[in-house]
PDB file of N, CA and C in Angstrom:
ATOM      1  N   MET A   1     -13.247   3.963 -19.326  1.00  0.00           N
ATOM      2  CA  MET A   1     -11.994   4.672 -19.418  1.00  0.00           C
ATOM      3  C   MET A   1     -11.352   4.732 -18.029  1.00  0.00           C
ATOM      4  N   GLN A   2     -10.066   4.399 -17.945  1.00  0.00           N
ATOM      5  CA  GLN A   2      -9.337   4.398 -16.691  1.00  0.00           C
ATOM      6  C   GLN A   2      -9.000   5.827 -16.271  1.00  0.00           C
ATOM      7  N   ALA A   3      -9.117   6.106 -14.992  1.00  0.00           N
ATOM      8  CA  ALA A   3      -8.714   7.410 -14.473  1.00  0.00           C
ATOM      9  C   ALA A   3      -7.196   7.431 -14.311  1.00  0.00           C
ATOM     10  N   LEU A   4      -6.596   8.553 -14.591  1.00  0.00           N
ATOM     11  CA  LEU A   4      -5.167   8.714 -14.381  1.00  0.00           C
ATOM     12  C   LEU A   4      -4.907   8.785 -12.882  1.00  0.00           C
ATOM     13  N   GLN A   5      -3.957   7.999 -12.407  1.00  0.00           N
ATOM     14  CA  GLN A   5      -3.656   7.962 -10.985  1.00  0.00           C
ATOM     15  C   GLN A   5      -2.381   8.737 -10.687  1.00  0.00           C
ATOM     16  N   VAL A   6      -2.380   9.461  -9.591  1.00  0.00           N
ATOM     17  CA  VAL A   6      -1.184  10.181  -9.176  1.00  0.00           C
ATOM     18  C   VAL A   6      -0.179   9.174  -8.624  1.00  0.00           C
ATOM     19  N   PRO A   7       1.106   9.484  -8.720  1.00  0.00           N
ATOM     20  CA  PRO A   7       2.114   8.524  -8.248  1.00  0.00           C
ATOM     21  C   PRO A   7       1.924   8.090  -6.798  1.00  0.00           C
ATOM     22  N   GLU A   8       1.546   9.014  -5.911  1.00  0.00           N
ATOM     23  CA  GLU A   8       1.363   8.653  -4.508  1.00  0.00           C
ATOM     24  C   GLU A   8       0.295   7.574  -4.356  1.00  0.00           C
ATOM     25  N   TYR A   9      -0.771   7.705  -5.133  1.00  0.00           N
ATOM     26  CA  TYR A   9      -1.841   6.708  -5.078  1.00  0.00           C
ATOM     27  C   TYR A   9      -1.290   5.338  -5.462  1.00  0.00           C
ATOM     28  N   LEU A  10      -0.523   5.290  -6.533  1.00  0.00           N
ATOM     29  CA  LEU A  10       0.020   4.012  -6.996  1.00  0.00           C
ATOM     30  C   LEU A  10       0.938   3.389  -5.946  1.00  0.00           C
ATOM     31  N   GLY A  11       1.739   4.211  -5.291  1.00  0.00           N
ATOM     32  CA  GLY A  11       2.631   3.700  -4.257  1.00  0.00           C
ATOM     33  C   GLY A  11       1.885   3.145  -3.064  1.00  0.00           C
ATOM     34  N   VAL A  12       0.891   3.881  -2.600  1.00  0.00           N
ATOM     35  CA  VAL A  12       0.097   3.429  -1.456  1.00  0.00           C
ATOM     36  C   VAL A  12      -0.678   2.168  -1.818  1.00  0.00           C
ATOM     37  N   ARG A  13      -1.269   2.167  -2.995  1.00  0.00           N
ATOM     38  CA  ARG A  13      -2.015   0.981  -3.426  1.00  0.00           C
ATOM     39  C   ARG A  13      -1.110  -0.239  -3.523  1.00  0.00           C
ATOM     40  N   HIS A  14       0.101  -0.039  -3.996  1.00  0.00           N
ATOM     41  CA  HIS A  14       1.041  -1.165  -4.096  1.00  0.00           C
ATOM     42  C   HIS A  14       1.314  -1.762  -2.720  1.00  0.00           C
ATOM     43  N   ILE A  15       1.500  -0.923  -1.737  1.00  0.00           N
ATOM     44  CA  ILE A  15       1.742  -1.418  -0.378  1.00  0.00           C
ATOM     45  C   ILE A  15       0.510  -2.142   0.160  1.00  0.00           C
ATOM     46  N   LEU A  16      -0.659  -1.570  -0.038  1.00  0.00           N
ATOM     47  CA  LEU A  16      -1.896  -2.159   0.499  1.00  0.00           C
ATOM     48  C   LEU A  16      -2.346  -3.413  -0.225  1.00  0.00           C
ATOM     49  N   THR A  17      -1.761  -3.689  -1.375  1.00  0.00           N
ATOM     50  CA  THR A  17      -2.137  -4.902  -2.113  1.00  0.00           C
ATOM     51  C   THR A  17      -1.073  -5.986  -1.990  1.00  0.00           C
ATOM     52  N   ALA A  18      -0.272  -5.913  -0.939  1.00  0.00           N
ATOM     53  CA  ALA A  18       0.641  -7.021  -0.641  1.00  0.00           C
ATOM     54  C   ALA A  18      -0.203  -8.294  -0.537  1.00  0.00           C
ATOM     55  N   PRO A  19       0.318  -9.415  -1.021  1.00  0.00           N
ATOM     56  CA  PRO A  19      -0.504 -10.637  -1.084  1.00  0.00           C
ATOM     57  C   PRO A  19      -1.213 -11.016   0.210  1.00  0.00           C
ATOM     58  N   GLN A  20      -0.571 -10.863   1.352  1.00  0.00           N
ATOM     59  CA  GLN A  20      -1.216 -11.243   2.604  1.00  0.00           C
ATOM     60  C   GLN A  20      -2.234 -10.216   3.071  1.00  0.00           C
ATOM     61  N   LEU A  21      -2.190  -8.999   2.526  1.00  0.00           N
ATOM     62  CA  LEU A  21      -3.115  -7.942   2.951  1.00  0.00           C
ATOM     63  C   LEU A  21      -4.349  -7.817   2.073  1.00  0.00           C
ATOM     64  N   VAL A  22      -4.181  -8.038   0.791  1.00  0.00           N
ATOM     65  CA  VAL A  22      -5.221  -7.675  -0.171  1.00  0.00           C
ATOM     66  C   VAL A  22      -6.601  -8.284   0.116  1.00  0.00           C
ATOM     67  N   PRO A  23      -6.712  -9.494   0.642  1.00  0.00           N
ATOM     68  CA  PRO A  23      -8.076  -9.977   0.939  1.00  0.00           C
ATOM     69  C   PRO A  23      -8.812  -9.086   1.937  1.00  0.00           C
ATOM     70  N   ARG A  24      -8.066  -8.417   2.814  1.00  0.00           N
ATOM     71  CA  ARG A  24      -8.686  -7.582   3.835  1.00  0.00           C
ATOM     72  C   ARG A  24      -8.674  -6.105   3.485  1.00  0.00           C
ATOM     73  N   THR A  25      -7.776  -5.688   2.606  1.00  0.00           N
ATOM     74  CA  THR A  25      -7.659  -4.259   2.293  1.00  0.00           C
ATOM     75  C   THR A  25      -8.410  -3.839   1.034  1.00  0.00           C
ATOM     76  N   ALA A  26      -8.634  -4.761   0.115  1.00  0.00           N
ATOM     77  CA  ALA A  26      -9.264  -4.407  -1.173  1.00  0.00           C
ATOM     78  C   ALA A  26     -10.567  -3.624  -1.026  1.00  0.00           C
ATOM     79  N   PRO A  27     -11.449  -3.972  -0.085  1.00  0.00           N
ATOM     80  CA  PRO A  27     -12.699  -3.201   0.032  1.00  0.00           C
ATOM     81  C   PRO A  27     -12.497  -1.732   0.410  1.00  0.00           C
ATOM     82  N   TYR A  28     -11.324  -1.386   0.898  1.00  0.00           N
ATOM     83  CA  TYR A  28     -11.060  -0.027   1.370  1.00  0.00           C
ATOM     84  C   TYR A  28     -10.200   0.777   0.396  1.00  0.00           C
ATOM     85  N   ILE A  29      -9.905   0.173  -0.743  1.00  0.00           N
ATOM     86  CA  ILE A  29      -9.130   0.858  -1.778  1.00  0.00           C
ATOM     87  C   ILE A  29     -10.124   1.423  -2.782  1.00  0.00           C
ATOM     88  N   ARG A  30     -10.192   2.729  -2.827  1.00  0.00           N
ATOM     89  CA  ARG A  30     -11.121   3.403  -3.732  1.00  0.00           C
ATOM     90  C   ARG A  30     -10.411   3.802  -5.016  1.00  0.00           C
ATOM     91  N   GLU A  31     -11.177   4.303  -5.959  1.00  0.00           N
ATOM     92  CA  GLU A  31     -10.613   4.679  -7.257  1.00  0.00           C
ATOM     93  C   GLU A  31      -9.571   5.789  -7.141  1.00  0.00           C
ATOM     94  N   ARG A  32      -9.773   6.729  -6.224  1.00  0.00           N
ATOM     95  CA  ARG A  32      -8.847   7.866  -6.117  1.00  0.00           C
ATOM     96  C   ARG A  32      -8.288   8.097  -4.722  1.00  0.00           C
ATOM     97  N   ASP A  33      -8.750   7.333  -3.753  1.00  0.00           N
ATOM     98  CA  ASP A  33      -8.232   7.470  -2.400  1.00  0.00           C
ATOM     99  C   ASP A  33      -8.481   6.187  -1.622  1.00  0.00           C
ATOM    100  N   PHE A  34      -8.367   6.264  -0.320  1.00  0.00           N
ATOM    101  CA  PHE A  34      -8.433   5.082   0.521  1.00  0.00           C
ATOM    102  C   PHE A  34      -9.286   5.372   1.744  1.00  0.00           C
ATOM    103  N   ASP A  35      -9.967   4.347   2.239  1.00  0.00           N
ATOM    104  CA  ASP A  35     -10.752   4.463   3.460  1.00  0.00           C
ATOM    105  C   ASP A  35      -9.868   4.009   4.622  1.00  0.00           C
ATOM    106  N   PHE A  36      -9.092   4.939   5.154  1.00  0.00           N
ATOM    107  CA  PHE A  36      -8.171   4.563   6.222  1.00  0.00           C
ATOM    108  C   PHE A  36      -8.880   4.270   7.536  1.00  0.00           C
ATOM    109  N   ASP A  37     -10.062   4.819   7.765  1.00  0.00           N
ATOM    110  CA  ASP A  37     -10.814   4.433   8.961  1.00  0.00           C
ATOM    111  C   ASP A  37     -11.111   2.937   8.910  1.00  0.00           C
ATOM    112  N   GLY A  38     -11.603   2.478   7.773  1.00  0.00           N
ATOM    113  CA  GLY A  38     -11.873   1.051   7.603  1.00  0.00           C
ATOM    114  C   GLY A  38     -10.605   0.212   7.653  1.00  0.00           C
ATOM    115  N   LEU A  39      -9.541   0.710   7.045  1.00  0.00           N
ATOM    116  CA  LEU A  39      -8.268  -0.023   7.059  1.00  0.00           C
ATOM    117  C   LEU A  39      -7.733  -0.162   8.482  1.00  0.00           C
ATOM    118  N   TYR A  40      -7.854   0.897   9.286  1.00  0.00           N
ATOM    119  CA  TYR A  40      -7.394   0.814  10.675  1.00  0.00           C
ATOM    120  C   TYR A  40      -8.254  -0.161  11.486  1.00  0.00           C
ATOM    121  N   GLN A  41      -9.542  -0.242  11.188  1.00  0.00           N
ATOM    122  CA  GLN A  41     -10.391  -1.229  11.866  1.00  0.00           C
ATOM    123  C   GLN A  41      -9.935  -2.642  11.510  1.00  0.00           C
ATOM    124  N   GLN A  42      -9.644  -2.879  10.245  1.00  0.00           N
ATOM    125  CA  GLN A  42      -9.131  -4.184   9.821  1.00  0.00           C
ATOM    126  C   GLN A  42      -7.783  -4.471  10.475  1.00  0.00           C
ATOM    127  N   ALA A  43      -6.946  -3.457  10.569  1.00  0.00           N
ATOM    128  CA  ALA A  43      -5.600  -3.638  11.108  1.00  0.00           C
ATOM    129  C   ALA A  43      -5.613  -4.061  12.576  1.00  0.00           C
ATOM    130  N   ALA A  44      -6.701  -3.805  13.271  1.00  0.00           N
ATOM    131  CA  ALA A  44      -6.779  -4.153  14.693  1.00  0.00           C
ATOM    132  C   ALA A  44      -6.568  -5.646  14.928  1.00  0.00           C
ATOM    133  N   THR A  45      -6.887  -6.472  13.936  1.00  0.00           N
ATOM    134  CA  THR A  45      -6.733  -7.919  14.097  1.00  0.00           C
ATOM    135  C   THR A  45      -5.627  -8.485  13.198  1.00  0.00           C
ATOM    136  N   MET A  46      -4.775  -7.627  12.683  1.00  0.00           N
ATOM    137  CA  MET A  46      -3.667  -8.073  11.837  1.00  0.00           C
ATOM    138  C   MET A  46      -2.416  -8.321  12.673  1.00  0.00           C
ATOM    139  N   SER A  47      -1.456  -9.010  12.062  1.00  0.00           N
ATOM    140  CA  SER A  47      -0.157  -9.203  12.712  1.00  0.00           C
ATOM    141  C   SER A  47       0.563  -7.864  12.808  1.00  0.00           C
ATOM    142  N   GLY A  48       1.635  -7.823  13.583  1.00  0.00           N
ATOM    143  CA  GLY A  48       2.396  -6.587  13.742  1.00  0.00           C
ATOM    144  C   GLY A  48       2.955  -6.073  12.428  1.00  0.00           C
ATOM    145  N   GLY A  49       3.477  -6.961  11.594  1.00  0.00           N
ATOM    146  CA  GLY A  49       4.014  -6.551  10.302  1.00  0.00           C
ATOM    147  C   GLY A  49       2.939  -6.038   9.369  1.00  0.00           C
ATOM    148  N   GLU A  50       1.774  -6.686   9.372  1.00  0.00           N
ATOM    149  CA  GLU A  50       0.658  -6.246   8.531  1.00  0.00           C
ATOM    150  C   GLU A  50       0.147  -4.883   8.976  1.00  0.00           C
ATOM    151  N   LYS A  51       0.037  -4.682  10.291  1.00  0.00           N
ATOM    152  CA  LYS A  51      -0.366  -3.377  10.813  1.00  0.00           C
ATOM    153  C   LYS A  51       0.614  -2.300  10.374  1.00  0.00           C
ATOM    154  N   LEU A  52       1.894  -2.635  10.412  1.00  0.00           N
ATOM    155  CA  LEU A  52       2.910  -1.669  10.016  1.00  0.00           C
ATOM    156  C   LEU A  52       2.763  -1.301   8.544  1.00  0.00           C
ATOM    157  N   LEU A  53       2.438  -2.256   7.692  1.00  0.00           N
ATOM    158  CA  LEU A  53       2.209  -1.949   6.277  1.00  0.00           C
ATOM    159  C   LEU A  53       1.061  -0.960   6.117  1.00  0.00           C
ATOM    160  N   VAL A  54      -0.016  -1.155   6.860  1.00  0.00           N
ATOM    161  CA  VAL A  54      -1.155  -0.230   6.792  1.00  0.00           C
ATOM    162  C   VAL A  54      -0.724   1.149   7.295  1.00  0.00           C
ATOM    163  N   ARG A  55       0.037   1.195   8.375  1.00  0.00           N
ATOM    164  CA  ARG A  55       0.517   2.481   8.911  1.00  0.00           C
ATOM    165  C   ARG A  55       1.440   3.179   7.919  1.00  0.00           C
ATOM    166  N   ILE A  56       2.312   2.416   7.262  1.00  0.00           N
ATOM    167  CA  ILE A  56       3.214   3.002   6.269  1.00  0.00           C
ATOM    168  C   ILE A  56       2.404   3.587   5.121  1.00  0.00           C
ATOM    169  N   ALA A  57       1.419   2.838   4.641  1.00  0.00           N
ATOM    170  CA  ALA A  57       0.572   3.321   3.546  1.00  0.00           C
ATOM    171  C   ALA A  57      -0.153   4.604   3.955  1.00  0.00           C
ATOM    172  N   ALA A  58      -0.704   4.617   5.159  1.00  0.00           N
ATOM    173  CA  ALA A  58      -1.408   5.815   5.649  1.00  0.00           C
ATOM    174  C   ALA A  58      -0.456   6.996   5.765  1.00  0.00           C
ATOM    175  N   ASP A  59       0.730   6.752   6.256  1.00  0.00           N
ATOM    176  CA  ASP A  59       1.706   7.821   6.419  1.00  0.00           C
ATOM    177  C   ASP A  59       2.142   8.373   5.064  1.00  0.00           C
ATOM    178  N   LEU A  60       2.329   7.492   4.098  1.00  0.00           N
ATOM    179  CA  LEU A  60       2.704   7.928   2.760  1.00  0.00           C
ATOM    180  C   LEU A  60       1.585   8.760   2.133  1.00  0.00           C
ATOM    181  N   TRP A  61       0.350   8.377   2.350  1.00  0.00           N
ATOM    182  CA  TRP A  61      -0.796   9.078   1.762  1.00  0.00           C
ATOM    183  C   TRP A  61      -1.085  10.396   2.470  1.00  0.00           C
ATOM    184  N   ASN A  62      -1.012  10.395   3.796  1.00  0.00           N
ATOM    185  CA  ASN A  62      -1.415  11.571   4.587  1.00  0.00           C
ATOM    186  C   ASN A  62      -0.257  12.413   5.096  1.00  0.00           C
ATOM    187  N   ALA A  63       0.967  11.957   4.905  1.00  0.00           N
ATOM    188  CA  ALA A  63       2.165  12.664   5.376  1.00  0.00           C
ATOM    189  C   ALA A  63       2.064  12.983   6.864  1.00  0.00           C
ATOM    190  N   GLY A  64       1.648  11.989   7.644  1.00  0.00           N
ATOM    191  CA  GLY A  64       1.467  12.204   9.066  1.00  0.00           C
ATOM    192  C   GLY A  64       2.718  12.101   9.910  1.00  0.00           C
ATOM    193  N   GLY A  65       3.767  11.487   9.393  1.00  0.00           N
ATOM    194  CA  GLY A  65       4.996  11.344  10.154  1.00  0.00           C
ATOM    195  C   GLY A  65       4.886  10.366  11.305  1.00  0.00           C
ATOM    196  N   ASP A  66       3.993   9.372  11.174  1.00  0.00           N
ATOM    197  CA  ASP A  66       3.725   8.449  12.272  1.00  0.00           C
ATOM    198  C   ASP A  66       4.577   7.185  12.257  1.00  0.00           C
ATOM    199  N   VAL A  67       5.344   6.956  11.203  1.00  0.00           N
ATOM    200  CA  VAL A  67       6.112   5.719  11.086  1.00  0.00           C
ATOM    201  C   VAL A  67       7.598   6.037  11.204  1.00  0.00           C
ATOM    202  N   LYS A  68       8.267   5.279  12.062  1.00  0.00           N
ATOM    203  CA  LYS A  68       9.710   5.443  12.232  1.00  0.00           C
ATOM    204  C   LYS A  68      10.440   4.607  11.182  1.00  0.00           C
ATOM    205  N   LEU A  69      11.470   5.188  10.595  1.00  0.00           N
ATOM    206  CA  LEU A  69      12.275   4.433   9.631  1.00  0.00           C
ATOM    207  C   LEU A  69      12.863   3.182  10.265  1.00  0.00           C
ATOM    208  N   SER A  70      13.229   3.257  11.525  1.00  0.00           N
ATOM    209  CA  SER A  70      13.785   2.080  12.192  1.00  0.00           C
ATOM    210  C   SER A  70      12.777   0.933  12.223  1.00  0.00           C
ATOM    211  N   ASP A  71      11.493   1.236  12.355  1.00  0.00           N
ATOM    212  CA  ASP A  71      10.471   0.185  12.310  1.00  0.00           C
ATOM    213  C   ASP A  71      10.399  -0.450  10.923  1.00  0.00           C
ATOM    214  N   VAL A  72      10.490   0.370   9.896  1.00  0.00           N
ATOM    215  CA  VAL A  72      10.445  -0.152   8.528  1.00  0.00           C
ATOM    216  C   VAL A  72      11.607  -1.119   8.315  1.00  0.00           C
ATOM    217  N   VAL A  73      12.779  -0.730   8.751  1.00  0.00           N
ATOM    218  CA  VAL A  73      13.974  -1.545   8.537  1.00  0.00           C
ATOM    219  C   VAL A  73      13.996  -2.789   9.419  1.00  0.00           C
ATOM    220  N   ARG A  74      13.594  -2.653  10.662  1.00  0.00           N
ATOM    221  CA  ARG A  74      13.758  -3.746  11.628  1.00  0.00           C
ATOM    222  C   ARG A  74      12.572  -4.692  11.745  1.00  0.00           C
ATOM    223  N   ARG A  75      11.376  -4.222  11.465  1.00  0.00           N
ATOM    224  CA  ARG A  75      10.191  -5.042  11.754  1.00  0.00           C
ATOM    225  C   ARG A  75       9.608  -5.766  10.555  1.00  0.00           C
ATOM    226  N   LEU A  76       9.920  -5.318   9.353  1.00  0.00           N
ATOM    227  CA  LEU A  76       9.351  -5.978   8.170  1.00  0.00           C
ATOM    228  C   LEU A  76      10.238  -7.118   7.699  1.00  0.00           C
ATOM    229  N   ASP A  77       9.611  -8.189   7.237  1.00  0.00           N
ATOM    230  CA  ASP A  77      10.412  -9.235   6.610  1.00  0.00           C
ATOM    231  C   ASP A  77      10.906  -8.723   5.259  1.00  0.00           C
ATOM    232  N   TRP A  78      11.791  -9.477   4.625  1.00  0.00           N
ATOM    233  CA  TRP A  78      12.423  -9.000   3.398  1.00  0.00           C
ATOM    234  C   TRP A  78      11.394  -8.700   2.308  1.00  0.00           C
ATOM    235  N   ALA A  79      10.435  -9.571   2.090  1.00  0.00           N
ATOM    236  CA  ALA A  79       9.451  -9.384   1.007  1.00  0.00           C
ATOM    237  C   ALA A  79       8.640  -8.104   1.228  1.00  0.00           C
ATOM    238  N   ASN A  80       8.219  -7.855   2.453  1.00  0.00           N
ATOM    239  CA  ASN A  80       7.428  -6.650   2.725  1.00  0.00           C
ATOM    240  C   ASN A  80       8.289  -5.397   2.697  1.00  0.00           C
ATOM    241  N   PHE A  81       9.523  -5.493   3.161  1.00  0.00           N
ATOM    242  CA  PHE A  81      10.439  -4.367   3.062  1.00  0.00           C
ATOM    243  C   PHE A  81      10.634  -3.989   1.594  1.00  0.00           C
ATOM    244  N   GLU A  82      10.849  -4.985   0.760  1.00  0.00           N
ATOM    245  CA  GLU A  82      11.022  -4.747  -0.674  1.00  0.00           C
ATOM    246  C   GLU A  82       9.769  -4.122  -1.286  1.00  0.00           C
ATOM    247  N   ARG A  83       8.616  -4.589  -0.870  1.00  0.00           N
ATOM    248  CA  ARG A  83       7.358  -4.039  -1.386  1.00  0.00           C
ATOM    249  C   ARG A  83       7.199  -2.572  -0.985  1.00  0.00           C
ATOM    250  N   VAL A  84       7.566  -2.222   0.230  1.00  0.00           N
ATOM    251  CA  VAL A  84       7.486  -0.835   0.678  1.00  0.00           C
ATOM    252  C   VAL A  84       8.441   0.038  -0.143  1.00  0.00           C
ATOM    253  N   VAL A  85       9.644  -0.439  -0.378  1.00  0.00           N
ATOM    254  CA  VAL A  85      10.595   0.320  -1.191  1.00  0.00           C
ATOM    255  C   VAL A  85      10.037   0.518  -2.599  1.00  0.00           C
ATOM    256  N   GLN A  86       9.429  -0.510  -3.158  1.00  0.00           N
ATOM    257  CA  GLN A  86       8.792  -0.376  -4.474  1.00  0.00           C
ATOM    258  C   GLN A  86       7.666   0.651  -4.416  1.00  0.00           C
ATOM    259  N   GLY A  87       6.889   0.637  -3.340  1.00  0.00           N
ATOM    260  CA  GLY A  87       5.828   1.625  -3.167  1.00  0.00           C
ATOM    261  C   GLY A  87       6.378   3.037  -3.111  1.00  0.00           C
ATOM    262  N   PHE A  88       7.507   3.198  -2.433  1.00  0.00           N
ATOM    263  CA  PHE A  88       8.148   4.509  -2.389  1.00  0.00           C
ATOM    264  C   PHE A  88       8.598   4.938  -3.783  1.00  0.00           C
ATOM    265  N   GLN A  89       9.147   4.012  -4.551  1.00  0.00           N
ATOM    266  CA  GLN A  89       9.576   4.330  -5.916  1.00  0.00           C
ATOM    267  C   GLN A  89       8.383   4.782  -6.756  1.00  0.00           C
ATOM    268  N   LEU A  90       7.288   4.078  -6.644  1.00  0.00           N
ATOM    269  CA  LEU A  90       6.087   4.445  -7.392  1.00  0.00           C
ATOM    270  C   LEU A  90       5.582   5.818  -6.962  1.00  0.00           C
ATOM    271  N   ALA A  91       5.590   6.078  -5.659  1.00  0.00           N
ATOM    272  CA  ALA A  91       5.103   7.361  -5.143  1.00  0.00           C
ATOM    273  C   ALA A  91       5.959   8.525  -5.628  1.00  0.00           C
ATOM    274  N   ARG A  92       7.218   8.269  -5.906  1.00  0.00           N
ATOM    275  CA  ARG A  92       8.106   9.313  -6.431  1.00  0.00           C
ATOM    276  C   ARG A  92       7.993   9.463  -7.942  1.00  0.00           C
ATOM    277  N   GLY A  93       7.198   8.617  -8.573  1.00  0.00           N
ATOM    278  CA  GLY A  93       7.048   8.685 -10.021  1.00  0.00           C
ATOM    279  C   GLY A  93       8.052   7.844 -10.766  1.00  0.00           C
ATOM    280  N   SER A  94       8.809   7.024 -10.048  1.00  0.00           N
ATOM    281  CA  SER A  94       9.734   6.086 -10.674  1.00  0.00           C
ATOM    282  C   SER A  94       9.007   4.762 -10.807  1.00  0.00           C
ATOM    283  N   PHE A  95       8.860   4.297 -12.012  1.00  0.00           N
ATOM    284  CA  PHE A  95       8.077   3.103 -12.251  1.00  0.00           C
ATOM    285  C   PHE A  95       8.974   1.943 -12.662  1.00  0.00           C
ATOM    286  N   PRO A  96       9.374   1.100 -11.702  1.00  0.00           N
ATOM    287  CA  PRO A  96      10.140  -0.083 -12.071  1.00  0.00           C
ATOM    288  C   PRO A  96       9.339  -0.913 -13.064  1.00  0.00           C
ATOM    289  N   TRP A  97       9.954  -1.286 -14.173  1.00  0.00           N
ATOM    290  CA  TRP A  97       9.214  -1.935 -15.262  1.00  0.00           C
ATOM    291  C   TRP A  97       8.420  -3.143 -14.812  1.00  0.00           C
ATOM    292  N   GLY A  98       8.906  -3.903 -13.877  1.00  0.00           N
ATOM    293  CA  GLY A  98       8.171  -5.075 -13.414  1.00  0.00           C
ATOM    294  C   GLY A  98       6.895  -4.738 -12.672  1.00  0.00           C
ATOM    295  N   LEU A  99       6.768  -3.501 -12.207  1.00  0.00           N
ATOM    296  CA  LEU A  99       5.582  -3.099 -11.460  1.00  0.00           C
ATOM    297  C   LEU A  99       4.547  -2.392 -12.316  1.00  0.00           C
ATOM    298  N   VAL A 100       4.938  -1.936 -13.474  1.00  0.00           N
ATOM    299  CA  VAL A 100       4.052  -1.121 -14.298  1.00  0.00           C
ATOM    300  C   VAL A 100       2.849  -1.908 -14.771  1.00  0.00           C
ATOM    301  N   ASP A 101       3.032  -3.150 -15.159  1.00  0.00           N
ATOM    302  CA  ASP A 101       1.932  -3.958 -15.675  1.00  0.00           C
ATOM    303  C   ASP A 101       0.845  -4.123 -14.620  1.00  0.00           C
ATOM    304  N   GLY A 102      -0.375  -3.797 -14.971  1.00  0.00           N
ATOM    305  CA  GLY A 102      -1.520  -4.021 -14.102  1.00  0.00           C
ATOM    306  C   GLY A 102      -1.770  -2.967 -13.042  1.00  0.00           C
ATOM    307  N   LEU A 103      -0.974  -1.910 -12.985  1.00  0.00           N
ATOM    308  CA  LEU A 103      -1.174  -0.918 -11.933  1.00  0.00           C
ATOM    309  C   LEU A 103      -2.442  -0.100 -12.104  1.00  0.00           C
ATOM    310  N   ALA A 104      -2.928   0.033 -13.293  1.00  0.00           N
ATOM    311  CA  ALA A 104      -4.112   0.866 -13.525  1.00  0.00           C
ATOM    312  C   ALA A 104      -5.378   0.024 -13.628  1.00  0.00           C
ATOM    313  N   GLY A 105      -5.357  -1.209 -13.113  1.00  0.00           N
ATOM    314  CA  GLY A 105      -6.501  -2.104 -13.239  1.00  0.00           C
ATOM    315  C   GLY A 105      -7.643  -1.764 -12.317  1.00  0.00           C
ATOM    316  N   ASP A 106      -8.738  -2.482 -12.490  1.00  0.00           N
ATOM    317  CA  ASP A 106      -9.920  -2.310 -11.658  1.00  0.00           C
ATOM    318  C   ASP A 106      -9.755  -3.087 -10.359  1.00  0.00           C
ATOM    319  N   LYS A 107     -10.689  -2.910  -9.439  1.00  0.00           N
ATOM    320  CA  LYS A 107     -10.648  -3.616  -8.161  1.00  0.00           C
ATOM    321  C   LYS A 107     -10.668  -5.130  -8.334  1.00  0.00           C
ATOM    322  N   GLU A 108     -11.230  -5.613  -9.439  1.00  0.00           N
ATOM    323  CA  GLU A 108     -11.305  -7.055  -9.631  1.00  0.00           C
ATOM    324  C   GLU A 108      -9.923  -7.691  -9.653  1.00  0.00           C
ATOM    325  N   GLU A 109      -8.896  -6.929  -9.982  1.00  0.00           N
ATOM    326  CA  GLU A 109      -7.556  -7.501  -9.976  1.00  0.00           C
ATOM    327  C   GLU A 109      -7.115  -7.871  -8.575  1.00  0.00           C
ATOM    328  N   PHE A 110      -7.773  -7.328  -7.549  1.00  0.00           N
ATOM    329  CA  PHE A 110      -7.408  -7.625  -6.178  1.00  0.00           C
ATOM    330  C   PHE A 110      -8.115  -8.873  -5.646  1.00  0.00           C
ATOM    331  N   ALA A 111      -9.089  -9.342  -6.378  1.00  0.00           N
ATOM    332  CA  ALA A 111      -9.885 -10.466  -5.897  1.00  0.00           C
ATOM    333  C   ALA A 111      -9.016 -11.700  -5.704  1.00  0.00           C
ATOM    334  N   ALA A 112      -9.249 -12.376  -4.620  1.00  0.00           N
ATOM    335  CA  ALA A 112      -8.462 -13.583  -4.331  1.00  0.00           C
ATOM    336  C   ALA A 112      -9.018 -14.775  -5.055  1.00  0.00           C
TER     337      ALA A 112
END
């Protein structure tokens, strides 16, 4: 039986499962939360944009206020910017129909 996920979890998970990130982030995505210590260790060797995605996800989950909106707008490429906006929509409980399919899946869906 699948556990019901809170909207914030779905939004953060959506950001952390961006195609270029998921091979490195999947081990740190838990059923109900995230291992941000492990994610930050992985981020140490990521590109600037990938690191920013991890920081955005952490900020959304922990409400730390560590990410500047100007960085989101200026540093992300279009695909990642769009993914972050989708993550924000999910975190607010707005489920764009194209994103709903597969959101409640198991970790195996992240396997490359």
